[in-house]
N, C-alpha and C. Protein backbone atom coordinates (compact mmCIF):
# COMPACT_ATOMS: atom_id res chain seq x y z
N MET A 1 0.81 -1.20 0.00
CA MET A 1 0.00 0.00 0.00
C MET A 1 0.85 1.26 0.00
N ALA A 2 2.05 1.20 0.52
CA ALA A 2 2.88 2.38 0.61
C ALA A 2 3.19 2.97 -0.75
N ASP A 3 3.25 2.12 -1.80
CA ASP A 3 3.57 2.62 -3.13
C ASP A 3 2.32 3.05 -3.90
N GLY A 4 1.17 3.03 -3.26
CA GLY A 4 -0.07 3.45 -3.90
C GLY A 4 -0.81 2.33 -4.61
N THR A 5 -0.23 1.14 -4.64
CA THR A 5 -0.89 0.00 -5.27
C THR A 5 -1.90 -0.59 -4.31
N PRO A 6 -3.16 -0.75 -4.76
CA PRO A 6 -4.14 -1.38 -3.86
C PRO A 6 -3.70 -2.79 -3.51
N PRO A 7 -4.00 -3.21 -2.29
CA PRO A 7 -3.55 -4.54 -1.86
C PRO A 7 -4.26 -5.65 -2.61
N ALA A 8 -3.56 -6.77 -2.79
CA ALA A 8 -4.20 -7.97 -3.33
C ALA A 8 -5.11 -8.52 -2.23
N VAL A 9 -6.16 -9.19 -2.63
CA VAL A 9 -7.09 -9.73 -1.64
C VAL A 9 -7.23 -11.23 -1.82
N THR A 10 -7.48 -11.90 -0.73
CA THR A 10 -7.71 -13.34 -0.73
C THR A 10 -9.15 -13.61 -1.19
N PRO A 11 -9.46 -14.87 -1.51
CA PRO A 11 -10.86 -15.19 -1.84
C PRO A 11 -11.82 -14.80 -0.71
N ALA A 12 -11.45 -15.06 0.54
CA ALA A 12 -12.32 -14.69 1.66
C ALA A 12 -12.51 -13.18 1.71
N ALA A 13 -11.44 -12.43 1.48
CA ALA A 13 -11.54 -10.98 1.50
C ALA A 13 -12.46 -10.48 0.38
N PHE A 14 -12.33 -11.07 -0.81
CA PHE A 14 -13.21 -10.66 -1.90
C PHE A 14 -14.66 -10.97 -1.56
N GLN A 15 -14.91 -12.10 -0.96
CA GLN A 15 -16.28 -12.45 -0.58
C GLN A 15 -16.85 -11.45 0.42
N VAL A 16 -16.03 -11.00 1.37
CA VAL A 16 -16.47 -9.99 2.33
C VAL A 16 -16.73 -8.67 1.61
N LEU A 17 -15.82 -8.27 0.72
CA LEU A 17 -16.02 -7.03 -0.04
C LEU A 17 -17.30 -7.11 -0.86
N LEU A 18 -17.54 -8.25 -1.47
CA LEU A 18 -18.75 -8.44 -2.26
C LEU A 18 -20.00 -8.30 -1.39
N ALA A 19 -19.97 -8.89 -0.22
CA ALA A 19 -21.11 -8.76 0.70
C ALA A 19 -21.35 -7.30 1.07
N LEU A 20 -20.28 -6.56 1.33
CA LEU A 20 -20.41 -5.16 1.74
C LEU A 20 -20.73 -4.24 0.57
N ALA A 21 -20.49 -4.69 -0.65
CA ALA A 21 -20.85 -3.87 -1.82
C ALA A 21 -22.37 -3.70 -1.90
N ARG A 22 -23.10 -4.59 -1.27
CA ARG A 22 -24.57 -4.50 -1.23
C ARG A 22 -25.05 -3.52 -0.17
N GLY A 23 -24.15 -3.07 0.70
CA GLY A 23 -24.52 -2.13 1.76
C GLY A 23 -23.91 -2.56 3.08
N ARG A 24 -24.02 -1.70 4.07
CA ARG A 24 -23.43 -2.00 5.37
C ARG A 24 -24.02 -3.28 5.94
N ALA A 25 -23.20 -4.01 6.68
CA ALA A 25 -23.66 -5.28 7.22
C ALA A 25 -22.84 -5.64 8.46
N HIS A 26 -23.42 -6.48 9.30
CA HIS A 26 -22.70 -7.01 10.45
C HIS A 26 -22.14 -8.38 10.10
N GLY A 27 -21.29 -8.90 10.94
CA GLY A 27 -20.58 -10.14 10.66
C GLY A 27 -21.48 -11.32 10.32
N TYR A 28 -22.53 -11.52 11.10
CA TYR A 28 -23.41 -12.66 10.86
C TYR A 28 -24.06 -12.56 9.48
N ALA A 29 -24.44 -11.35 9.08
CA ALA A 29 -25.05 -11.14 7.76
C ALA A 29 -24.03 -11.42 6.66
N ILE A 30 -22.78 -11.03 6.87
CA ILE A 30 -21.74 -11.29 5.88
C ILE A 30 -21.54 -12.79 5.73
N MET A 31 -21.45 -13.51 6.85
CA MET A 31 -21.28 -14.97 6.79
C MET A 31 -22.45 -15.61 6.06
N GLY A 32 -23.66 -15.15 6.35
CA GLY A 32 -24.84 -15.70 5.69
C GLY A 32 -24.85 -15.44 4.19
N PHE A 33 -24.46 -14.25 3.79
CA PHE A 33 -24.40 -13.90 2.37
C PHE A 33 -23.41 -14.80 1.64
N VAL A 34 -22.23 -14.98 2.21
CA VAL A 34 -21.21 -15.82 1.56
C VAL A 34 -21.71 -17.25 1.44
N GLY A 35 -22.31 -17.77 2.49
CA GLY A 35 -22.87 -19.12 2.41
C GLY A 35 -23.94 -19.24 1.35
N GLU A 36 -24.77 -18.22 1.25
CA GLU A 36 -25.86 -18.22 0.27
C GLU A 36 -25.35 -18.16 -1.16
N ILE A 37 -24.43 -17.24 -1.46
CA ILE A 37 -23.98 -17.08 -2.85
C ILE A 37 -23.11 -18.23 -3.32
N THR A 38 -22.56 -18.99 -2.36
CA THR A 38 -21.74 -20.14 -2.75
C THR A 38 -22.49 -21.45 -2.59
N ASP A 39 -23.80 -21.37 -2.38
CA ASP A 39 -24.62 -22.58 -2.14
C ASP A 39 -24.03 -23.45 -1.05
N GLY A 40 -23.47 -22.82 -0.03
CA GLY A 40 -22.93 -23.54 1.11
C GLY A 40 -21.53 -24.10 0.91
N ALA A 41 -20.96 -23.91 -0.27
CA ALA A 41 -19.61 -24.43 -0.54
C ALA A 41 -18.55 -23.72 0.30
N VAL A 42 -18.81 -22.45 0.63
CA VAL A 42 -17.90 -21.67 1.47
C VAL A 42 -18.66 -21.24 2.71
N GLN A 43 -18.12 -21.58 3.84
CA GLN A 43 -18.67 -21.15 5.12
C GLN A 43 -17.57 -20.40 5.87
N LEU A 44 -17.70 -19.08 5.92
CA LEU A 44 -16.71 -18.29 6.67
C LEU A 44 -17.00 -18.45 8.15
N GLY A 45 -16.05 -18.99 8.86
CA GLY A 45 -16.19 -19.08 10.31
C GLY A 45 -15.90 -17.74 10.95
N PRO A 46 -16.31 -17.56 12.20
CA PRO A 46 -16.08 -16.27 12.86
C PRO A 46 -14.61 -15.86 12.90
N GLY A 47 -13.71 -16.81 13.14
CA GLY A 47 -12.29 -16.46 13.19
C GLY A 47 -11.79 -15.94 11.87
N THR A 48 -12.12 -16.64 10.79
CA THR A 48 -11.72 -16.20 9.45
C THR A 48 -12.35 -14.86 9.12
N LEU A 49 -13.63 -14.72 9.40
CA LEU A 49 -14.33 -13.48 9.07
C LEU A 49 -13.70 -12.29 9.79
N TYR A 50 -13.52 -12.38 11.11
CA TYR A 50 -13.05 -11.22 11.84
C TYR A 50 -11.57 -10.94 11.60
N ARG A 51 -10.77 -11.96 11.31
CA ARG A 51 -9.38 -11.70 10.89
C ARG A 51 -9.38 -10.99 9.53
N THR A 52 -10.26 -11.44 8.64
CA THR A 52 -10.35 -10.82 7.31
C THR A 52 -10.82 -9.37 7.44
N LEU A 53 -11.84 -9.12 8.25
CA LEU A 53 -12.32 -7.75 8.44
C LEU A 53 -11.21 -6.87 9.03
N ALA A 54 -10.45 -7.39 9.99
CA ALA A 54 -9.37 -6.61 10.59
C ALA A 54 -8.31 -6.27 9.54
N ARG A 55 -7.97 -7.23 8.68
CA ARG A 55 -6.99 -6.99 7.62
C ARG A 55 -7.52 -5.96 6.63
N LEU A 56 -8.78 -6.11 6.22
CA LEU A 56 -9.38 -5.16 5.28
C LEU A 56 -9.43 -3.76 5.88
N ALA A 57 -9.72 -3.67 7.17
CA ALA A 57 -9.75 -2.36 7.84
C ALA A 57 -8.34 -1.77 7.89
N ALA A 58 -7.34 -2.59 8.21
CA ALA A 58 -5.96 -2.12 8.27
C ALA A 58 -5.48 -1.62 6.91
N ASP A 59 -5.99 -2.25 5.85
CA ASP A 59 -5.62 -1.84 4.48
C ASP A 59 -6.47 -0.69 3.97
N GLY A 60 -7.43 -0.22 4.78
CA GLY A 60 -8.26 0.91 4.38
C GLY A 60 -9.38 0.56 3.42
N LEU A 61 -9.78 -0.72 3.37
CA LEU A 61 -10.81 -1.15 2.43
C LEU A 61 -12.21 -1.17 3.05
N VAL A 62 -12.28 -1.38 4.36
CA VAL A 62 -13.56 -1.34 5.07
C VAL A 62 -13.38 -0.50 6.32
N GLU A 63 -14.51 -0.07 6.84
CA GLU A 63 -14.51 0.68 8.09
C GLU A 63 -15.78 0.33 8.85
N GLU A 64 -15.73 0.57 10.15
CA GLU A 64 -16.93 0.35 10.93
C GLU A 64 -17.94 1.43 10.56
N ALA A 65 -19.20 1.03 10.55
CA ALA A 65 -20.30 1.96 10.24
C ALA A 65 -21.14 2.08 11.50
N PRO A 66 -20.78 3.00 12.41
CA PRO A 66 -21.42 3.05 13.72
C PRO A 66 -22.85 3.56 13.74
N GLU A 67 -23.26 4.27 12.71
CA GLU A 67 -24.60 4.83 12.77
C GLU A 67 -25.66 3.73 12.77
N GLU A 68 -26.71 3.96 13.53
CA GLU A 68 -27.79 2.98 13.63
C GLU A 68 -28.91 3.35 12.67
N ARG A 69 -29.68 2.33 12.30
CA ARG A 69 -30.85 2.55 11.46
C ARG A 69 -32.08 2.22 12.27
N ALA A 70 -33.12 2.98 12.08
CA ALA A 70 -34.35 2.80 12.85
C ALA A 70 -35.01 1.45 12.60
N ASP A 71 -34.80 0.88 11.41
CA ASP A 71 -35.46 -0.39 11.07
C ASP A 71 -34.70 -1.62 11.56
N GLU A 72 -33.60 -1.41 12.30
CA GLU A 72 -32.82 -2.53 12.83
C GLU A 72 -32.87 -2.52 14.34
N PRO A 73 -33.04 -3.68 14.95
CA PRO A 73 -33.03 -3.73 16.42
C PRO A 73 -31.64 -3.38 16.94
N HIS A 74 -31.61 -2.68 18.07
CA HIS A 74 -30.33 -2.30 18.65
C HIS A 74 -29.70 -3.48 19.37
N ASP A 75 -28.46 -3.72 19.09
CA ASP A 75 -27.68 -4.75 19.76
C ASP A 75 -26.27 -4.19 19.90
N ALA A 76 -25.90 -3.83 21.12
CA ALA A 76 -24.61 -3.18 21.35
C ALA A 76 -23.43 -4.06 20.94
N ARG A 77 -23.63 -5.38 20.88
CA ARG A 77 -22.54 -6.27 20.51
C ARG A 77 -22.31 -6.30 19.00
N ARG A 78 -23.29 -5.90 18.25
CA ARG A 78 -23.23 -6.01 16.79
C ARG A 78 -22.46 -4.83 16.22
N ARG A 79 -21.43 -5.14 15.42
CA ARG A 79 -20.65 -4.10 14.76
C ARG A 79 -20.94 -4.18 13.26
N TYR A 80 -21.23 -3.03 12.68
CA TYR A 80 -21.53 -2.96 11.25
C TYR A 80 -20.31 -2.44 10.51
N TYR A 81 -20.19 -2.90 9.27
CA TYR A 81 -19.05 -2.53 8.42
C TYR A 81 -19.56 -2.03 7.09
N ARG A 82 -18.73 -1.22 6.42
CA ARG A 82 -19.05 -0.75 5.08
C ARG A 82 -17.75 -0.59 4.31
N LEU A 83 -17.90 -0.55 2.99
CA LEU A 83 -16.73 -0.35 2.13
C LEU A 83 -16.30 1.11 2.18
N THR A 84 -15.01 1.32 2.06
CA THR A 84 -14.48 2.66 1.84
C THR A 84 -14.40 2.88 0.33
N ARG A 85 -14.02 4.05 -0.08
CA ARG A 85 -13.84 4.33 -1.51
C ARG A 85 -12.79 3.39 -2.10
N LEU A 86 -11.68 3.21 -1.40
CA LEU A 86 -10.66 2.28 -1.87
C LEU A 86 -11.20 0.85 -1.90
N GLY A 87 -12.02 0.50 -0.93
CA GLY A 87 -12.63 -0.82 -0.91
C GLY A 87 -13.48 -1.07 -2.14
N TRP A 88 -14.24 -0.05 -2.56
CA TRP A 88 -15.04 -0.16 -3.80
C TRP A 88 -14.13 -0.41 -5.00
N GLU A 89 -13.04 0.35 -5.07
CA GLU A 89 -12.11 0.21 -6.21
C GLU A 89 -11.50 -1.19 -6.24
N VAL A 90 -11.07 -1.68 -5.10
CA VAL A 90 -10.46 -3.01 -5.04
C VAL A 90 -11.51 -4.08 -5.35
N ALA A 91 -12.72 -3.93 -4.81
CA ALA A 91 -13.78 -4.91 -5.10
C ALA A 91 -14.10 -4.93 -6.59
N ARG A 92 -14.15 -3.77 -7.21
CA ARG A 92 -14.43 -3.69 -8.65
C ARG A 92 -13.30 -4.36 -9.45
N ARG A 93 -12.07 -4.08 -9.06
CA ARG A 93 -10.92 -4.69 -9.74
C ARG A 93 -10.97 -6.22 -9.62
N GLU A 94 -11.28 -6.72 -8.45
CA GLU A 94 -11.35 -8.17 -8.25
C GLU A 94 -12.52 -8.77 -9.02
N ALA A 95 -13.65 -8.06 -9.08
CA ALA A 95 -14.81 -8.56 -9.84
C ALA A 95 -14.48 -8.65 -11.32
N GLU A 96 -13.76 -7.66 -11.84
CA GLU A 96 -13.35 -7.70 -13.24
C GLU A 96 -12.42 -8.87 -13.50
N LEU A 97 -11.52 -9.16 -12.57
CA LEU A 97 -10.62 -10.30 -12.71
C LEU A 97 -11.42 -11.61 -12.71
N VAL A 98 -12.37 -11.74 -11.80
CA VAL A 98 -13.21 -12.94 -11.74
C VAL A 98 -13.98 -13.10 -13.05
N ASP A 99 -14.47 -12.00 -13.59
CA ASP A 99 -15.21 -12.05 -14.86
C ASP A 99 -14.31 -12.56 -15.99
N ARG A 100 -13.07 -12.07 -16.05
CA ARG A 100 -12.14 -12.54 -17.08
C ARG A 100 -11.81 -14.02 -16.90
N LEU A 101 -11.65 -14.44 -15.65
CA LEU A 101 -11.36 -15.85 -15.38
C LEU A 101 -12.54 -16.73 -15.76
N ALA A 102 -13.76 -16.28 -15.46
CA ALA A 102 -14.96 -17.04 -15.82
C ALA A 102 -15.09 -17.15 -17.34
N ALA A 103 -14.78 -16.08 -18.05
CA ALA A 103 -14.84 -16.12 -19.51
C ALA A 103 -13.82 -17.12 -20.07
N ALA A 104 -12.63 -17.14 -19.48
CA ALA A 104 -11.61 -18.10 -19.92
C ALA A 104 -12.05 -19.53 -19.60
N ALA A 105 -12.66 -19.73 -18.45
CA ALA A 105 -13.16 -21.06 -18.08
C ALA A 105 -14.26 -21.51 -19.03
N ALA A 106 -15.13 -20.59 -19.41
CA ALA A 106 -16.20 -20.92 -20.36
C ALA A 106 -15.61 -21.28 -21.71
N ALA A 107 -14.64 -20.50 -22.16
CA ALA A 107 -14.01 -20.78 -23.46
C ALA A 107 -13.29 -22.13 -23.45
N ALA A 108 -12.82 -22.54 -22.30
CA ALA A 108 -12.12 -23.82 -22.18
C ALA A 108 -13.08 -24.99 -21.99
N GLY A 109 -14.37 -24.70 -21.95
CA GLY A 109 -15.37 -25.75 -21.79
C GLY A 109 -15.57 -26.22 -20.36
N LEU A 110 -15.17 -25.42 -19.41
CA LEU A 110 -15.29 -25.80 -18.00
C LEU A 110 -16.63 -25.41 -17.38
N LEU A 111 -17.41 -24.61 -18.06
CA LEU A 111 -18.70 -24.18 -17.53
C LEU A 111 -19.82 -24.75 -18.39
N PRO A 112 -21.02 -24.83 -17.84
CA PRO A 112 -22.14 -25.36 -18.61
C PRO A 112 -22.35 -24.59 -19.91
N GLU A 113 -22.97 -25.24 -20.87
CA GLU A 113 -23.20 -24.69 -22.21
C GLU A 113 -23.83 -23.30 -22.16
N ALA A 114 -24.82 -23.09 -21.31
CA ALA A 114 -25.52 -21.80 -21.25
C ALA A 114 -24.53 -20.69 -20.90
N ARG A 115 -23.56 -20.93 -20.05
CA ARG A 115 -22.58 -19.92 -19.65
C ARG A 115 -21.64 -19.62 -20.82
N ARG A 116 -21.24 -20.64 -21.59
CA ARG A 116 -20.32 -20.43 -22.70
C ARG A 116 -20.93 -19.55 -23.78
N ASP A 117 -22.25 -19.61 -23.94
CA ASP A 117 -22.90 -18.80 -24.95
C ASP A 117 -22.79 -17.31 -24.68
N THR A 118 -22.60 -16.94 -23.40
CA THR A 118 -22.50 -15.52 -23.03
C THR A 118 -21.07 -15.04 -22.98
N ALA A 119 -20.11 -15.93 -23.09
CA ALA A 119 -18.69 -15.54 -22.96
C ALA A 119 -18.16 -14.98 -24.27
């Protein structure tokens, strides 16, 4: 980061960034989102999630979102997170990379026929 290059992110970090791209969320919601979008193939445990969030925060990609919303029950233990501007940029960069990799996988015949038609 010192040279201005955004940090590389792990698959778990990208999954957290993707969850937060939908809006602020607390840890349990992030874990649920990742489990849902991966059809249960990836289950972020609390240790992995909170280490990942700490790393993303240290890199300036996420921050705590302390403001409360009236439509959410108050729970002092629950900490909400959101993407920073740099977090959006890194998430977008990673999404573009995943898109290119998926297109290459489709061209190689690794994805179902319907997916190859769109590549």
